[in-house]
Amino acid sequence: MYEYRYHENKIHGEPDFPFHIYPVEHQAGTPCILPIHWHNEMEIIHLAEGNAVFRIESREYAVRAGDTLIVHPGELHSGDGIPGGDIRYFAIVFHFDWLSSLQPDRIQQRYLNPVAQGTVRLPSMLSAADERHAPLTDLVRQMLICNERRPPAWEMSLKALLLMLIAELYCRGLTLRAGEAPKRGLRYQQQIKRVLAYMEEHADDKPDLDRLAAVLSMSRSHFCTFFKTQTGMRPMEYLNYIRVNKAAQLLRTGACSVLEAALESGFQNASYFAKWFKTFMHTTPSEFRSRYASGL
């Protein structure tokens, strides 16, 4: 099912440990497995099962089980499933600054600061089929195992594995000097970020197409075409996705009823809410609440 995240202002992990791994599963035939969004953290996506197509900014990657993607802070990214089976992936989200030293040292100045400042980029994809990448994807799998088993000092081990991954990327010559994005592509990215941020902020206000189009000074028809091209979703569909995610977070706590979650997230009609919830979560609101209210 969908992650409980979209464009995120939420804190990943804990304030003193800004690292979290989100397991995500989708049934076979699910077209959109990750609606377009961005955040200020770095993200490593490891596909454990199935096949998918992910987009990072204007770049598209055909991803198979075992492959890993690296998404830099601020990059728009999304994913679509490829028919043929269930899809399962892990999203590792963390603040890159968390890896820095308390005092500037050679490691930070030579290797971490260039990535944090955007002058050096890590590769967007590590392929399981490429022998050069095998030790790197193995480090990612070690992170997943460490996070699941949580042996003594597991937090330190996770940080060490991340640093090891970055060191190996440098050692193998896989880091890249940041280049300038095409001006047209950059303008489109800025536009879609602006309207997505507006939709998130005003989701409860029920903005109509005219209001959303006005954010970018476009006509309704031009805006709908632009939005679908950039996100793979219709504007109202994405707006309902935001609302369903909010409702899912409320239901997961077990602190409110299905009706209360629907109203709180901007739905006025229970059947309409149930329809969209089933579309995105592949289960009914009541079943979801029963399954996750315990916090599992």
C-alpha atoms as a PDB file:
ATOM      1  CA  MET A   1       0.000   0.000   0.000  1.00  0.00           C
ATOM      2  CA  TYR A   2       0.992   3.632  -0.198  1.00  0.00           C
ATOM      3  CA  GLU A   3       3.516   5.152   2.141  1.00  0.00           C
ATOM      4  CA  TYR A   4       2.066   7.472   4.721  1.00  0.00           C
ATOM      5  CA  ARG A   5       3.992  10.370   3.185  1.00  0.00           C
ATOM      6  CA  TYR A   6       3.706  12.873   0.303  1.00  0.00           C
ATOM      7  CA  HIS A   7       5.488  16.246   0.186  1.00  0.00           C
ATOM      8  CA  GLU A   8       6.831  16.056   3.636  1.00  0.00           C
ATOM      9  CA  ASN A   9       7.223  18.492   6.440  1.00  0.00           C
ATOM     10  CA  LYS A  10       7.078  15.559   8.840  1.00  0.00           C
ATOM     11  CA  ILE A  11      10.035  14.446  10.917  1.00  0.00           C
ATOM     12  CA  HIS A  12      11.587  11.145   9.823  1.00  0.00           C
ATOM     13  CA  GLY A  13      12.820   9.127  12.752  1.00  0.00           C
ATOM     14  CA  GLU A  14      13.444  10.930  16.043  1.00  0.00           C
ATOM     15  CA  PRO A  15      14.956  14.380  16.650  1.00  0.00           C
ATOM     16  CA  ASP A  16      18.096  12.738  18.041  1.00  0.00           C
ATOM     17  CA  PHE A  17      18.082  10.012  15.362  1.00  0.00           C
ATOM     18  CA  PRO A  18      16.824  11.491  12.043  1.00  0.00           C
ATOM     19  CA  PHE A  19      16.759   8.184  10.199  1.00  0.00           C
ATOM     20  CA  HIS A  20      13.815   5.978   9.308  1.00  0.00           C
ATOM     21  CA  ILE A  21      13.095   3.034   7.012  1.00  0.00           C
ATOM     22  CA  TYR A  22       9.631   2.743   5.463  1.00  0.00           C
ATOM     23  CA  PRO A  23       8.623  -0.704   4.155  1.00  0.00           C
ATOM     24  CA  VAL A  24       6.172  -0.336   1.264  1.00  0.00           C
ATOM     25  CA  GLU A  25       4.118  -3.101  -0.363  1.00  0.00           C
ATOM     26  CA  HIS A  26       1.772  -3.016  -3.344  1.00  0.00           C
ATOM     27  CA  GLN A  27      -0.429  -5.702  -4.816  1.00  0.00           C
ATOM     28  CA  ALA A  28       0.101  -6.786  -8.419  1.00  0.00           C
ATOM     29  CA  GLY A  29      -1.525  -4.398 -10.863  1.00  0.00           C
ATOM     30  CA  THR A  30      -1.116  -1.258  -8.760  1.00  0.00           C
ATOM     31  CA  PRO A  31      -0.191   1.436 -11.307  1.00  0.00           C
ATOM     32  CA  CYS A  32       1.210   4.183  -9.064  1.00  0.00           C
ATOM     33  CA  ILE A  33       3.432   2.918  -6.252  1.00  0.00           C
ATOM     34  CA  LEU A  34       4.881   6.293  -5.239  1.00  0.00           C
ATOM     35  CA  PRO A  35       3.044   9.513  -6.140  1.00  0.00           C
ATOM     36  CA  ILE A  36       5.294  12.441  -6.949  1.00  0.00           C
ATOM     37  CA  HIS A  37       6.702  14.275  -3.931  1.00  0.00           C
ATOM     38  CA  TRP A  38       9.912  15.688  -2.516  1.00  0.00           C
ATOM     39  CA  HIS A  39      11.486  16.408   0.852  1.00  0.00           C
ATOM     40  CA  ASN A  40      14.611  17.923   2.348  1.00  0.00           C
ATOM     41  CA  GLU A  41      16.141  14.589   3.351  1.00  0.00           C
ATOM     42  CA  MET A  42      18.176  12.160   1.291  1.00  0.00           C
ATOM     43  CA  GLU A  43      16.388   8.934   0.384  1.00  0.00           C
ATOM     44  CA  ILE A  44      17.648   5.505  -0.633  1.00  0.00           C
ATOM     45  CA  ILE A  45      15.011   3.300  -2.293  1.00  0.00           C
ATOM     46  CA  HIS A  46      15.755  -0.421  -2.454  1.00  0.00           C
ATOM     47  CA  LEU A  47      13.431  -2.569  -4.567  1.00  0.00           C
ATOM     48  CA  ALA A  48      13.141  -5.957  -2.871  1.00  0.00           C
ATOM     49  CA  GLU A  49      10.490  -7.524  -5.105  1.00  0.00           C
ATOM     50  CA  GLY A  50       8.924  -6.824  -8.511  1.00  0.00           C
ATOM     51  CA  ASN A  51       9.690  -4.377 -11.310  1.00  0.00           C
ATOM     52  CA  ALA A  52       8.984  -0.667 -11.494  1.00  0.00           C
ATOM     53  CA  VAL A  53       9.767   2.581 -13.257  1.00  0.00           C
ATOM     54  CA  PHE A  54      10.913   5.429 -11.011  1.00  0.00           C
ATOM     55  CA  ARG A  55      11.373   9.049 -11.994  1.00  0.00           C
ATOM     56  CA  ILE A  56      13.815  11.400 -10.275  1.00  0.00           C
ATOM     57  CA  GLU A  57      13.339  14.938 -11.554  1.00  0.00           C
ATOM     58  CA  SER A  58      13.265  14.478 -15.354  1.00  0.00           C
ATOM     59  CA  ARG A  59      15.195  11.195 -15.349  1.00  0.00           C
ATOM     60  CA  GLU A  60      13.515   7.796 -15.661  1.00  0.00           C
ATOM     61  CA  TYR A  61      14.862   4.481 -14.359  1.00  0.00           C
ATOM     62  CA  ALA A  62      13.648   0.943 -15.046  1.00  0.00           C
ATOM     63  CA  VAL A  63      14.227  -0.789 -11.710  1.00  0.00           C
ATOM     64  CA  ARG A  64      14.305  -4.514 -10.980  1.00  0.00           C
ATOM     65  CA  ALA A  65      14.393  -6.445  -7.721  1.00  0.00           C
ATOM     66  CA  GLY A  66      17.746  -5.858  -6.052  1.00  0.00           C
ATOM     67  CA  ASP A  67      18.316  -2.420  -7.579  1.00  0.00           C
ATOM     68  CA  THR A  68      18.780   0.692  -5.454  1.00  0.00           C
ATOM     69  CA  LEU A  69      18.017   4.351  -6.149  1.00  0.00           C
ATOM     70  CA  ILE A  70      19.530   7.389  -4.423  1.00  0.00           C
ATOM     71  CA  VAL A  71      17.384  10.537  -4.262  1.00  0.00           C
ATOM     72  CA  HIS A  72      19.075  13.791  -3.266  1.00  0.00           C
ATOM     73  CA  PRO A  73      17.331  16.364  -1.039  1.00  0.00           C
ATOM     74  CA  GLY A  74      14.789  18.492  -2.890  1.00  0.00           C
ATOM     75  CA  GLU A  75      14.458  16.164  -5.880  1.00  0.00           C
ATOM     76  CA  LEU A  76      11.000  15.335  -7.186  1.00  0.00           C
ATOM     77  CA  HIS A  77      10.538  11.579  -7.376  1.00  0.00           C
ATOM     78  CA  SER A  78       7.757   9.108  -8.108  1.00  0.00           C
ATOM     79  CA  GLY A  79       7.256   5.495  -9.158  1.00  0.00           C
ATOM     80  CA  ASP A  80       4.954   3.284 -11.226  1.00  0.00           C
ATOM     81  CA  GLY A  81       4.599  -0.462 -10.995  1.00  0.00           C
ATOM     82  CA  ILE A  82       5.158  -2.764 -13.961  1.00  0.00           C
ATOM     83  CA  PRO A  83       2.518  -5.517 -14.316  1.00  0.00           C
ATOM     84  CA  GLY A  84       3.633  -9.000 -13.434  1.00  0.00           C
ATOM     85  CA  GLY A  85       3.606  -9.390  -9.682  1.00  0.00           C
ATOM     86  CA  ASP A  86       3.568  -7.777  -6.268  1.00  0.00           C
ATOM     87  CA  ILE A  87       5.963  -4.930  -5.549  1.00  0.00           C
ATOM     88  CA  ARG A  88       7.872  -4.422  -2.338  1.00  0.00           C
ATOM     89  CA  TYR A  89      10.460  -1.769  -1.609  1.00  0.00           C
ATOM     90  CA  PHE A  90      12.135   0.001   1.305  1.00  0.00           C
ATOM     91  CA  ALA A  91      12.570   3.760   1.544  1.00  0.00           C
ATOM     92  CA  ILE A  92      15.509   4.789   3.741  1.00  0.00           C
ATOM     93  CA  VAL A  93      15.106   8.464   4.650  1.00  0.00           C
ATOM     94  CA  PHE A  94      17.662  10.477   6.614  1.00  0.00           C
ATOM     95  CA  HIS A  95      19.109  13.957   7.064  1.00  0.00           C
ATOM     96  CA  PHE A  96      22.459  14.049   5.309  1.00  0.00           C
ATOM     97  CA  ASP A  97      23.785  16.562   7.858  1.00  0.00           C
ATOM     98  CA  TRP A  98      23.343  13.823  10.460  1.00  0.00           C
ATOM     99  CA  LEU A  99      26.481  12.183   9.051  1.00  0.00           C
ATOM    100  CA  SER A 100      28.620  15.267   9.649  1.00  0.00           C
ATOM    101  CA  SER A 101      31.170  15.624  12.427  1.00  0.00           C
ATOM    102  CA  LEU A 102      30.715  17.977  15.360  1.00  0.00           C
ATOM    103  CA  GLN A 103      33.990  19.611  14.358  1.00  0.00           C
ATOM    104  CA  PRO A 104      35.096  20.116  10.736  1.00  0.00           C
ATOM    105  CA  ASP A 105      37.631  17.478   9.748  1.00  0.00           C
ATOM    106  CA  ARG A 106      39.196  16.150   6.561  1.00  0.00           C
ATOM    107  CA  ILE A 107      36.413  13.621   5.990  1.00  0.00           C
ATOM    108  CA  GLN A 108      33.715  16.242   6.189  1.00  0.00           C
ATOM    109  CA  GLN A 109      35.556  18.799   4.071  1.00  0.00           C
ATOM    110  CA  ARG A 110      36.659  16.418   1.318  1.00  0.00           C
ATOM    111  CA  TYR A 111      33.746  14.033   1.059  1.00  0.00           C
ATOM    112  CA  LEU A 112      30.600  15.021   2.962  1.00  0.00           C
ATOM    113  CA  ASN A 113      30.423  18.789   2.407  1.00  0.00           C
ATOM    114  CA  PRO A 114      30.594  18.543  -1.407  1.00  0.00           C
ATOM    115  CA  VAL A 115      27.569  16.198  -1.375  1.00  0.00           C
ATOM    116  CA  ALA A 116      25.683  18.338   1.151  1.00  0.00           C
ATOM    117  CA  GLN A 117      26.425  21.491  -0.853  1.00  0.00           C
ATOM    118  CA  GLY A 118      25.443  19.889  -4.152  1.00  0.00           C
ATOM    119  CA  THR A 119      28.796  20.182  -5.935  1.00  0.00           C
ATOM    120  CA  VAL A 120      29.187  16.394  -5.915  1.00  0.00           C
ATOM    121  CA  ARG A 121      26.324  13.994  -6.570  1.00  0.00           C
ATOM    122  CA  LEU A 122      25.929  10.354  -5.688  1.00  0.00           C
ATOM    123  CA  PRO A 123      24.732   8.112  -8.541  1.00  0.00           C
ATOM    124  CA  SER A 124      20.962   7.921  -8.915  1.00  0.00           C
ATOM    125  CA  MET A 125      20.890   4.160  -9.540  1.00  0.00           C
ATOM    126  CA  LEU A 126      22.849   1.123  -8.401  1.00  0.00           C
ATOM    127  CA  SER A 127      22.042  -1.929 -10.499  1.00  0.00           C
ATOM    128  CA  ALA A 128      22.047  -5.447  -9.099  1.00  0.00           C
ATOM    129  CA  ALA A 129      23.086  -6.639 -12.559  1.00  0.00           C
ATOM    130  CA  ASP A 130      26.280  -4.560 -12.479  1.00  0.00           C
ATOM    131  CA  GLU A 131      29.140  -6.370 -10.703  1.00  0.00           C
ATOM    132  CA  ARG A 132      30.678  -3.020  -9.711  1.00  0.00           C
ATOM    133  CA  HIS A 133      27.524  -2.170  -7.775  1.00  0.00           C
ATOM    134  CA  ALA A 134      27.076  -5.499  -5.964  1.00  0.00           C
ATOM    135  CA  PRO A 135      29.090  -4.536  -2.821  1.00  0.00           C
ATOM    136  CA  LEU A 136      27.128  -1.270  -2.644  1.00  0.00           C
ATOM    137  CA  THR A 137      23.670  -2.809  -2.850  1.00  0.00           C
ATOM    138  CA  ASP A 138      24.876  -5.350  -0.268  1.00  0.00           C
ATOM    139  CA  LEU A 139      25.602  -2.467   2.134  1.00  0.00           C
ATOM    140  CA  VAL A 140      22.011  -1.269   1.637  1.00  0.00           C
ATOM    141  CA  ARG A 141      20.688  -4.746   2.438  1.00  0.00           C
ATOM    142  CA  GLN A 142      22.860  -4.784   5.561  1.00  0.00           C
ATOM    143  CA  MET A 143      21.133  -1.565   6.650  1.00  0.00           C
ATOM    144  CA  LEU A 144      17.735  -3.206   6.259  1.00  0.00           C
ATOM    145  CA  ILE A 145      18.812  -6.259   8.265  1.00  0.00           C
ATOM    146  CA  CYS A 146      20.399  -4.133  10.986  1.00  0.00           C
ATOM    147  CA  ASN A 147      17.284  -1.982  11.276  1.00  0.00           C
ATOM    148  CA  GLU A 148      15.049  -5.045  11.520  1.00  0.00           C
ATOM    149  CA  ARG A 149      17.112  -6.998  14.047  1.00  0.00           C
ATOM    150  CA  ARG A 150      18.396  -4.004  16.037  1.00  0.00           C
ATOM    151  CA  PRO A 151      21.367  -5.602  17.798  1.00  0.00           C
ATOM    152  CA  PRO A 152      23.284  -3.637  20.454  1.00  0.00           C
ATOM    153  CA  ALA A 153      24.478  -0.267  19.104  1.00  0.00           C
ATOM    154  CA  TRP A 154      22.336  -0.720  15.975  1.00  0.00           C
ATOM    155  CA  GLU A 155      22.026   3.053  15.545  1.00  0.00           C
ATOM    156  CA  MET A 156      25.811   3.375  15.316  1.00  0.00           C
ATOM    157  CA  SER A 157      25.967   0.480  12.871  1.00  0.00           C
ATOM    158  CA  LEU A 158      23.417   2.143  10.572  1.00  0.00           C
ATOM    159  CA  LYS A 159      25.370   5.387  10.552  1.00  0.00           C
ATOM    160  CA  ALA A 160      28.586   3.483   9.872  1.00  0.00           C
ATOM    161  CA  LEU A 161      26.981   1.617   6.960  1.00  0.00           C
ATOM    162  CA  LEU A 162      25.834   4.887   5.408  1.00  0.00           C
ATOM    163  CA  LEU A 163      29.322   6.330   5.694  1.00  0.00           C
ATOM    164  CA  MET A 164      30.753   3.141   4.245  1.00  0.00           C
ATOM    165  CA  LEU A 165      28.362   3.369   1.301  1.00  0.00           C
ATOM    166  CA  ILE A 166      29.453   6.935   0.543  1.00  0.00           C
ATOM    167  CA  ALA A 167      33.138   5.988   0.930  1.00  0.00           C
ATOM    168  CA  GLU A 168      32.722   3.078  -1.504  1.00  0.00           C
ATOM    169  CA  LEU A 169      31.021   5.349  -4.037  1.00  0.00           C
ATOM    170  CA  TYR A 170      34.026   7.652  -3.912  1.00  0.00           C
ATOM    171  CA  CYS A 171      36.492   4.741  -4.047  1.00  0.00           C
ATOM    172  CA  ARG A 172      34.838   3.242  -7.114  1.00  0.00           C
ATOM    173  CA  GLY A 173      34.695   6.560  -8.961  1.00  0.00           C
ATOM    174  CA  LEU A 174      30.896   6.588  -9.028  1.00  0.00           C
ATOM    175  CA  THR A 175      30.378  10.116  -7.694  1.00  0.00           C
ATOM    176  CA  LEU A 176      29.552  12.820 -10.216  1.00  0.00           C
ATOM    177  CA  ARG A 177      30.202  16.506 -10.532  1.00  0.00           C
ATOM    178  CA  ALA A 178      26.876  18.293 -10.390  1.00  0.00           C
ATOM    179  CA  GLY A 179      25.798  19.720 -13.738  1.00  0.00           C
ATOM    180  CA  GLU A 180      23.159  22.288 -14.506  1.00  0.00           C
ATOM    181  CA  ALA A 181      19.683  21.014 -15.322  1.00  0.00           C
ATOM    182  CA  PRO A 182      18.139  22.216 -18.598  1.00  0.00           C
ATOM    183  CA  LYS A 183      16.435  25.559 -17.998  1.00  0.00           C
ATOM    184  CA  ARG A 184      13.092  24.335 -19.286  1.00  0.00           C
ATOM    185  CA  GLY A 185      13.159  21.235 -17.115  1.00  0.00           C
ATOM    186  CA  LEU A 186      14.185  23.296 -14.108  1.00  0.00           C
ATOM    187  CA  ARG A 187      11.300  25.703 -14.667  1.00  0.00           C
ATOM    188  CA  TYR A 188       8.795  22.833 -14.869  1.00  0.00           C
ATOM    189  CA  GLN A 189      10.213  21.323 -11.662  1.00  0.00           C
ATOM    190  CA  GLN A 190       9.850  24.631  -9.836  1.00  0.00           C
ATOM    191  CA  GLN A 191       6.286  25.010 -11.083  1.00  0.00           C
ATOM    192  CA  ILE A 192       5.144  21.564 -10.018  1.00  0.00           C
ATOM    193  CA  LYS A 193       6.802  21.954  -6.612  1.00  0.00           C
ATOM    194  CA  ARG A 194       4.943  25.221  -6.119  1.00  0.00           C
ATOM    195  CA  VAL A 195       1.532  23.799  -6.930  1.00  0.00           C
ATOM    196  CA  LEU A 196       2.125  20.594  -4.905  1.00  0.00           C
ATOM    197  CA  ALA A 197       3.073  22.681  -1.887  1.00  0.00           C
ATOM    198  CA  TYR A 198      -0.086  24.770  -2.364  1.00  0.00           C
ATOM    199  CA  MET A 199      -2.254  21.646  -2.631  1.00  0.00           C
ATOM    200  CA  GLU A 200      -0.789  20.212   0.536  1.00  0.00           C
ATOM    201  CA  GLU A 201      -1.298  23.454   2.453  1.00  0.00           C
ATOM    202  CA  HIS A 202      -4.870  23.958   1.238  1.00  0.00           C
ATOM    203  CA  ALA A 203      -6.099  20.363   0.945  1.00  0.00           C
ATOM    204  CA  ASP A 204      -8.782  20.955   3.587  1.00  0.00           C
ATOM    205  CA  ASP A 205     -10.049  24.067   1.750  1.00  0.00           C
ATOM    206  CA  LYS A 206     -11.223  22.022  -1.248  1.00  0.00           C
ATOM    207  CA  PRO A 207      -9.516  24.141  -3.927  1.00  0.00           C
ATOM    208  CA  ASP A 208     -11.104  23.714  -7.372  1.00  0.00           C
ATOM    209  CA  LEU A 209      -9.313  23.477 -10.718  1.00  0.00           C
ATOM    210  CA  ASP A 210      -9.596  27.209 -11.402  1.00  0.00           C
ATOM    211  CA  ARG A 211      -7.916  28.011  -8.106  1.00  0.00           C
ATOM    212  CA  LEU A 212      -5.130  25.481  -8.662  1.00  0.00           C
ATOM    213  CA  ALA A 213      -4.540  26.661 -12.235  1.00  0.00           C
ATOM    214  CA  ALA A 214      -4.302  30.247 -10.989  1.00  0.00           C
ATOM    215  CA  VAL A 215      -1.308  29.287  -8.821  1.00  0.00           C
ATOM    216  CA  LEU A 216       0.685  28.837 -12.039  1.00  0.00           C
ATOM    217  CA  SER A 217      -1.256  31.417 -14.094  1.00  0.00           C
ATOM    218  CA  MET A 218      -2.514  28.704 -16.461  1.00  0.00           C
ATOM    219  CA  SER A 219      -5.870  27.918 -18.007  1.00  0.00           C
ATOM    220  CA  ARG A 220      -7.774  24.928 -16.619  1.00  0.00           C
ATOM    221  CA  SER A 221      -7.063  22.765 -19.653  1.00  0.00           C
ATOM    222  CA  HIS A 222      -3.372  23.694 -19.808  1.00  0.00           C
ATOM    223  CA  PHE A 223      -2.973  23.112 -16.078  1.00  0.00           C
ATOM    224  CA  CYS A 224      -4.648  19.679 -16.180  1.00  0.00           C
ATOM    225  CA  THR A 225      -2.416  18.571 -19.056  1.00  0.00           C
ATOM    226  CA  PHE A 226       0.696  19.947 -17.355  1.00  0.00           C
ATOM    227  CA  PHE A 227      -0.132  18.356 -14.001  1.00  0.00           C
ATOM    228  CA  LYS A 228      -0.899  14.918 -15.478  1.00  0.00           C
ATOM    229  CA  THR A 229       2.313  15.005 -17.537  1.00  0.00           C
ATOM    230  CA  GLN A 230       4.460  15.936 -14.543  1.00  0.00           C
ATOM    231  CA  THR A 231       2.866  13.731 -11.871  1.00  0.00           C
ATOM    232  CA  GLY A 232       1.034  10.922 -13.656  1.00  0.00           C
ATOM    233  CA  MET A 233      -2.119  11.827 -11.699  1.00  0.00           C
ATOM    234  CA  ARG A 234      -5.062  14.173 -12.268  1.00  0.00           C
ATOM    235  CA  PRO A 235      -5.122  17.240  -9.970  1.00  0.00           C
ATOM    236  CA  MET A 236      -8.200  16.156  -7.997  1.00  0.00           C
ATOM    237  CA  GLU A 237      -6.848  12.619  -7.769  1.00  0.00           C
ATOM    238  CA  TYR A 238      -3.641  13.897  -6.172  1.00  0.00           C
ATOM    239  CA  LEU A 239      -5.636  16.137  -3.832  1.00  0.00           C
ATOM    240  CA  ASN A 240      -7.625  13.124  -2.665  1.00  0.00           C
ATOM    241  CA  TYR A 241      -4.376  11.215  -2.243  1.00  0.00           C
ATOM    242  CA  ILE A 242      -3.168  13.889   0.189  1.00  0.00           C
ATOM    243  CA  ARG A 243      -6.442  13.678   2.121  1.00  0.00           C
ATOM    244  CA  VAL A 244      -6.385   9.878   2.251  1.00  0.00           C
ATOM    245  CA  ASN A 245      -2.828   9.946   3.593  1.00  0.00           C
ATOM    246  CA  LYS A 246      -3.910  12.316   6.336  1.00  0.00           C
ATOM    247  CA  ALA A 247      -6.861  10.071   7.183  1.00  0.00           C
ATOM    248  CA  ALA A 248      -4.576   7.010   7.216  1.00  0.00           C
ATOM    249  CA  GLN A 249      -2.282   8.672   9.737  1.00  0.00           C
ATOM    250  CA  LEU A 250      -5.266   9.447  11.973  1.00  0.00           C
ATOM    251  CA  LEU A 251      -6.691   5.930  11.701  1.00  0.00           C
ATOM    252  CA  ARG A 252      -3.307   4.375  12.394  1.00  0.00           C
ATOM    253  CA  THR A 253      -3.245   5.982  15.851  1.00  0.00           C
ATOM    254  CA  GLY A 254      -6.624   4.464  16.735  1.00  0.00           C
ATOM    255  CA  ALA A 255      -7.586   7.768  18.361  1.00  0.00           C
ATOM    256  CA  CYS A 256     -10.525   8.556  16.067  1.00  0.00           C
ATOM    257  CA  SER A 257     -13.335   6.782  14.242  1.00  0.00           C
ATOM    258  CA  VAL A 258     -13.540   6.336  10.479  1.00  0.00           C
ATOM    259  CA  LEU A 259     -16.056   9.171  10.195  1.00  0.00           C
ATOM    260  CA  GLU A 260     -13.915  11.480  12.314  1.00  0.00           C
ATOM    261  CA  ALA A 261     -10.855  10.712  10.174  1.00  0.00           C
ATOM    262  CA  ALA A 262     -12.851  11.405   6.994  1.00  0.00           C
ATOM    263  CA  LEU A 263     -14.116  14.772   8.234  1.00  0.00           C
ATOM    264  CA  GLU A 264     -10.763  15.788   9.666  1.00  0.00           C
ATOM    265  CA  SER A 265      -9.018  15.088   6.362  1.00  0.00           C
ATOM    266  CA  GLY A 266     -11.471  17.102   4.273  1.00  0.00           C
ATOM    267  CA  PHE A 267     -14.034  14.509   3.113  1.00  0.00           C
ATOM    268  CA  GLN A 268     -17.696  15.350   3.677  1.00  0.00           C
ATOM    269  CA  ASN A 269     -19.184  12.167   2.233  1.00  0.00           C
ATOM    270  CA  ALA A 270     -18.429   8.816   3.889  1.00  0.00           C
ATOM    271  CA  SER A 271     -18.954   6.712   0.759  1.00  0.00           C
ATOM    272  CA  TYR A 272     -16.797   9.053  -1.326  1.00  0.00           C
ATOM    273  CA  PHE A 273     -14.089   8.812   1.331  1.00  0.00           C
ATOM    274  CA  ALA A 274     -14.317   5.011   1.404  1.00  0.00           C
ATOM    275  CA  LYS A 275     -14.022   4.872  -2.400  1.00  0.00           C
ATOM    276  CA  TRP A 276     -10.809   6.896  -2.520  1.00  0.00           C
ATOM    277  CA  PHE A 277      -9.362   5.201   0.549  1.00  0.00           C
ATOM    278  CA  LYS A 278      -9.849   1.787  -1.080  1.00  0.00           C
ATOM    279  CA  THR A 279      -8.283   3.119  -4.310  1.00  0.00           C
ATOM    280  CA  PHE A 280      -5.065   4.201  -2.622  1.00  0.00           C
ATOM    281  CA  MET A 281      -4.779   1.841   0.341  1.00  0.00           C
ATOM    282  CA  HIS A 282      -6.298  -1.299  -1.205  1.00  0.00           C
ATOM    283  CA  THR A 283      -8.386  -1.872   1.906  1.00  0.00           C
ATOM    284  CA  THR A 284     -11.395  -0.276   3.573  1.00  0.00           C
ATOM    285  CA  PRO A 285     -10.944   2.431   6.239  1.00  0.00           C
ATOM    286  CA  SER A 286     -12.412   0.105   8.893  1.00  0.00           C
ATOM    287  CA  GLU A 287     -10.077  -2.760   7.984  1.00  0.00           C
ATOM    288  CA  PHE A 288      -7.135  -0.379   7.969  1.00  0.00           C
ATOM    289  CA  ARG A 289      -8.029   0.982  11.399  1.00  0.00           C
ATOM    290  CA  SER A 290      -8.429  -2.504  12.845  1.00  0.00           C
ATOM    291  CA  ARG A 291      -5.102  -3.622  11.438  1.00  0.00           C
ATOM    292  CA  TYR A 292      -3.007  -0.612  12.426  1.00  0.00           C
ATOM    293  CA  ALA A 293      -4.688   0.819  15.517  1.00  0.00           C
ATOM    294  CA  SER A 294      -2.382  -1.278  17.677  1.00  0.00           C
ATOM    295  CA  GLY A 295       0.589   0.595  16.227  1.00  0.00           C
ATOM    296  CA  LEU A 296       2.046  -2.443  14.494  1.00  0.00           C
END
